[in-house]
Protein backbone atom coordinates (compact mmCIF):
# COMPACT_ATOMS: atom_id res chain seq x y z
CA UNK A 1 141.03 125.96 107.71
CA UNK A 2 137.93 124.60 109.42
CA UNK A 3 136.10 121.35 108.98
CA UNK A 4 132.48 120.47 109.53
CA UNK A 5 132.03 116.93 110.72
CA UNK A 6 128.47 115.66 110.65
CA UNK A 7 127.01 112.64 112.36
CA UNK A 8 126.63 109.44 110.37
CA UNK A 9 123.33 107.58 110.15
CA UNK A 10 123.53 103.89 111.01
CA UNK A 11 121.64 101.44 108.84
CA UNK A 12 118.70 99.59 110.38
CA UNK A 13 117.33 96.45 108.73
CA UNK A 14 113.97 95.03 109.76
CA UNK A 15 112.72 92.05 107.75
CA UNK A 16 108.97 91.90 107.15
CA UNK A 17 107.53 89.50 109.72
CA UNK A 18 105.30 86.61 108.73
CA UNK A 19 101.61 87.22 109.53
CA UNK A 20 100.42 86.35 113.02
CA UNK A 21 96.94 85.37 114.19
CA UNK A 22 94.85 87.52 116.52
CA UNK A 23 95.58 86.42 120.08
CA UNK A 24 99.33 86.11 119.50
CA UNK A 25 101.17 88.90 121.32
CA UNK A 26 104.18 90.64 119.80
CA UNK A 27 107.54 89.03 120.58
CA UNK A 28 111.13 89.00 119.41
CA UNK A 29 109.92 87.00 116.39
CA UNK A 30 108.25 90.15 115.00
CA UNK A 31 110.28 92.86 116.74
CA UNK A 32 113.71 91.85 115.44
CA UNK A 33 115.40 94.83 113.77
CA UNK A 34 119.19 94.88 113.53
CA UNK A 35 121.59 97.80 113.15
CA UNK A 36 125.04 98.26 111.68
CA UNK A 37 126.44 99.52 115.02
CA UNK A 38 125.88 98.94 118.75
CA UNK A 39 122.88 100.57 120.37
CA UNK A 40 119.38 100.01 121.70
CA UNK A 41 115.96 99.52 120.08
CA UNK A 42 112.60 100.88 121.25
CA UNK A 43 109.53 99.38 119.54
CA UNK A 44 106.03 100.85 119.34
CA UNK A 45 103.95 98.87 120.11
CA UNK A 46 106.30 96.86 122.29
CA UNK A 47 106.80 93.23 123.20
CA UNK A 48 103.65 91.71 124.67
CA UNK A 49 101.25 94.00 122.80
CA UNK A 50 98.06 92.43 121.43
CA UNK A 51 97.09 93.89 118.04
CA UNK A 52 93.66 93.74 116.42
CA UNK A 53 93.18 91.82 113.17
CA UNK A 54 94.29 93.81 110.11
CA UNK A 55 97.40 95.53 108.79
CA UNK A 56 99.68 97.40 111.17
CA UNK A 57 102.90 99.45 110.85
CA UNK A 58 104.94 98.99 114.03
CA UNK A 59 107.92 101.31 114.36
CA UNK A 60 111.36 101.13 115.91
CA UNK A 61 113.68 103.86 117.13
CA UNK A 62 117.35 102.91 117.20
CA UNK A 63 119.53 104.90 119.59
CA UNK A 64 123.25 104.37 118.90
CA UNK A 65 125.59 103.73 121.81
CA UNK A 66 127.89 106.37 120.26
CA UNK A 67 125.40 109.26 120.15
CA UNK A 68 128.24 111.72 119.57
CA UNK A 69 129.04 110.38 116.12
CA UNK A 70 125.80 108.70 115.01
CA UNK A 71 122.19 109.84 114.54
CA UNK A 72 119.11 108.25 116.05
CA UNK A 73 117.37 106.26 113.29
CA UNK A 74 113.77 105.12 112.85
CA UNK A 75 112.18 102.40 110.75
CA UNK A 76 108.75 100.83 110.20
CA UNK A 77 107.57 97.50 108.86
CA UNK A 78 104.20 96.11 107.77
CA UNK A 79 102.72 93.40 109.97
CA UNK A 80 99.51 91.53 109.14
CA UNK A 81 97.38 90.14 111.96
CA UNK A 82 94.94 87.51 110.67
CA UNK A 83 91.53 86.94 112.23
CA UNK A 84 91.39 84.07 114.69
CA UNK A 85 89.13 81.10 114.00
CA UNK A 86 86.57 80.89 116.81
CA UNK A 87 86.50 77.75 118.89
CA UNK A 88 83.09 76.32 119.63
CA UNK A 89 82.71 74.04 122.62
CA UNK A 90 79.56 72.00 122.10
CA UNK A 91 78.89 69.73 125.01
CA UNK A 92 76.65 66.73 124.48
CA UNK A 93 73.31 67.36 126.17
CA UNK A 94 72.25 64.92 128.87
CA UNK A 95 70.25 61.90 127.79
CA UNK A 96 66.57 62.71 127.62
CA UNK A 97 64.07 60.40 129.20
CA UNK A 98 61.23 59.32 126.98
CA UNK A 99 57.67 58.93 128.15
CA UNK A 100 56.04 55.55 128.10
CA UNK A 101 52.39 54.90 127.35
CA UNK A 102 51.69 54.05 130.96
CA UNK A 103 52.98 57.42 132.19
CA UNK A 104 51.15 60.36 130.66
CA UNK A 105 52.95 63.67 130.39
CA UNK A 106 51.24 66.58 132.17
């Protein structure tokens, strides 16, 4: 009698991150998937990436520490990047001198 033993697929959970504002780079706050077994995560785009405003679908590849018995698993999540509010720096202009009647302007 022979048996066929197949690899198991670990479960990967990745909660939908709260929206971020343009200018905020990706961090562990957004790239925070967890798996049911030990292993390593590779995110695309990775930590430190700066995304444009809009909707994005980052992905993660989970590689189990026990690659003999478990499959590599992938997941995606939706991430919204809101537009940043521009900052306007309006400096007060220097005080203007006014002409007097005794000093004509030429």
